[in-house]
């Protein structure tokens, strides 16, 4: 699923994204660390994986999701 970065804190490696319908969804360091990224910028398009309502993986929209 695609989303747009709303916030990202490099110190905690967590933040939030907007889904295309405008819903804000937070993600933790575990989801950020699961992917290959080092930094995110507000407004950047990303791919996310969601399991049980929690974001489990964040990567750039040009990178494939695992599985």
C-alpha atoms as a PDB file:
ATOM      1  CA  UNK A   1       0.000   0.000   0.000  1.00  0.00           C
ATOM      2  CA  UNK A   2       1.311   3.472  -0.791  1.00  0.00           C
ATOM      3  CA  UNK A   3       1.393   6.403   1.596  1.00  0.00           C
ATOM      4  CA  UNK A   4       2.987   9.826   2.062  1.00  0.00           C
ATOM      5  CA  UNK A   5       5.335  10.607   4.944  1.00  0.00           C
ATOM      6  CA  UNK A   6       3.799  13.108   7.362  1.00  0.00           C
ATOM      7  CA  UNK A   7       6.473  13.090  10.071  1.00  0.00           C
ATOM      8  CA  UNK A   8       9.748  11.310  10.757  1.00  0.00           C
ATOM      9  CA  UNK A   9      12.059  11.622  13.759  1.00  0.00           C
ATOM     10  CA  UNK A  10      15.531  10.281  12.932  1.00  0.00           C
ATOM     11  CA  UNK A  11      16.421  10.026  16.642  1.00  0.00           C
ATOM     12  CA  UNK A  12      13.593   7.578  17.367  1.00  0.00           C
ATOM     13  CA  UNK A  13      13.298   6.261  13.767  1.00  0.00           C
ATOM     14  CA  UNK A  14       9.511   6.584  14.034  1.00  0.00           C
ATOM     15  CA  UNK A  15       6.887   8.800  12.500  1.00  0.00           C
ATOM     16  CA  UNK A  16       3.592   8.779  10.671  1.00  0.00           C
ATOM     17  CA  UNK A  17       2.235   8.566   7.141  1.00  0.00           C
ATOM     18  CA  UNK A  18      -0.916   9.689   5.386  1.00  0.00           C
ATOM     19  CA  UNK A  19      -2.797   7.049   3.443  1.00  0.00           C
ATOM     20  CA  UNK A  20      -4.300   8.173   0.135  1.00  0.00           C
ATOM     21  CA  UNK A  21      -7.681   8.646   1.845  1.00  0.00           C
ATOM     22  CA  UNK A  22      -6.111  11.104   4.324  1.00  0.00           C
ATOM     23  CA  UNK A  23      -5.948   8.735   7.287  1.00  0.00           C
ATOM     24  CA  UNK A  24      -2.857   9.282   9.429  1.00  0.00           C
ATOM     25  CA  UNK A  25      -1.110   6.076  10.498  1.00  0.00           C
ATOM     26  CA  UNK A  26       1.849   6.013  12.911  1.00  0.00           C
ATOM     27  CA  UNK A  27       4.827   3.683  12.531  1.00  0.00           C
ATOM     28  CA  UNK A  28       7.512   2.703  15.003  1.00  0.00           C
ATOM     29  CA  UNK A  29      11.223   2.083  14.754  1.00  0.00           C
ATOM     30  CA  UNK A  30      10.609  -1.624  14.106  1.00  0.00           C
ATOM     31  CA  UNK A  31       8.789  -0.869  10.844  1.00  0.00           C
ATOM     32  CA  UNK A  32      11.447   1.616   9.736  1.00  0.00           C
ATOM     33  CA  UNK A  33      14.324  -0.714  10.677  1.00  0.00           C
ATOM     34  CA  UNK A  34      12.731  -3.606   8.753  1.00  0.00           C
ATOM     35  CA  UNK A  35      13.397  -1.776   5.481  1.00  0.00           C
ATOM     36  CA  UNK A  36      16.598  -0.552   3.816  1.00  0.00           C
ATOM     37  CA  UNK A  37      16.102   3.164   4.493  1.00  0.00           C
ATOM     38  CA  UNK A  38      18.274   5.569   6.452  1.00  0.00           C
ATOM     39  CA  UNK A  39      16.064   8.671   6.417  1.00  0.00           C
ATOM     40  CA  UNK A  40      12.598   9.869   5.389  1.00  0.00           C
ATOM     41  CA  UNK A  41      11.386  13.363   4.449  1.00  0.00           C
ATOM     42  CA  UNK A  42       7.874  14.784   4.904  1.00  0.00           C
ATOM     43  CA  UNK A  43       6.008  14.511   1.603  1.00  0.00           C
ATOM     44  CA  UNK A  44       8.009  11.518   0.409  1.00  0.00           C
ATOM     45  CA  UNK A  45       6.019   8.651  -1.130  1.00  0.00           C
ATOM     46  CA  UNK A  46       6.560   5.267   0.499  1.00  0.00           C
ATOM     47  CA  UNK A  47       5.273   1.718   0.372  1.00  0.00           C
ATOM     48  CA  UNK A  48       4.090   0.267   3.668  1.00  0.00           C
ATOM     49  CA  UNK A  49       3.014  -3.155   4.869  1.00  0.00           C
ATOM     50  CA  UNK A  50       0.259  -3.285   7.478  1.00  0.00           C
ATOM     51  CA  UNK A  51      -0.561  -6.276   9.682  1.00  0.00           C
ATOM     52  CA  UNK A  52      -3.345  -6.139  12.249  1.00  0.00           C
ATOM     53  CA  UNK A  53      -3.628  -2.373  11.851  1.00  0.00           C
ATOM     54  CA  UNK A  54       0.079  -1.780  12.563  1.00  0.00           C
ATOM     55  CA  UNK A  55       2.663  -0.672  10.013  1.00  0.00           C
ATOM     56  CA  UNK A  56       5.290  -3.419   9.853  1.00  0.00           C
ATOM     57  CA  UNK A  57       7.505  -2.243   6.963  1.00  0.00           C
ATOM     58  CA  UNK A  58       8.349   1.103   5.368  1.00  0.00           C
ATOM     59  CA  UNK A  59      10.322   1.568   2.151  1.00  0.00           C
ATOM     60  CA  UNK A  60      10.483   3.941  -0.804  1.00  0.00           C
ATOM     61  CA  UNK A  61       7.662   3.672  -3.313  1.00  0.00           C
ATOM     62  CA  UNK A  62      10.205   2.558  -5.945  1.00  0.00           C
ATOM     63  CA  UNK A  63      11.351  -0.413  -3.833  1.00  0.00           C
ATOM     64  CA  UNK A  64       9.326  -3.642  -3.664  1.00  0.00           C
ATOM     65  CA  UNK A  65       7.683  -4.803  -0.474  1.00  0.00           C
ATOM     66  CA  UNK A  66       8.911  -8.123   0.945  1.00  0.00           C
ATOM     67  CA  UNK A  67       6.995 -11.275   0.217  1.00  0.00           C
END
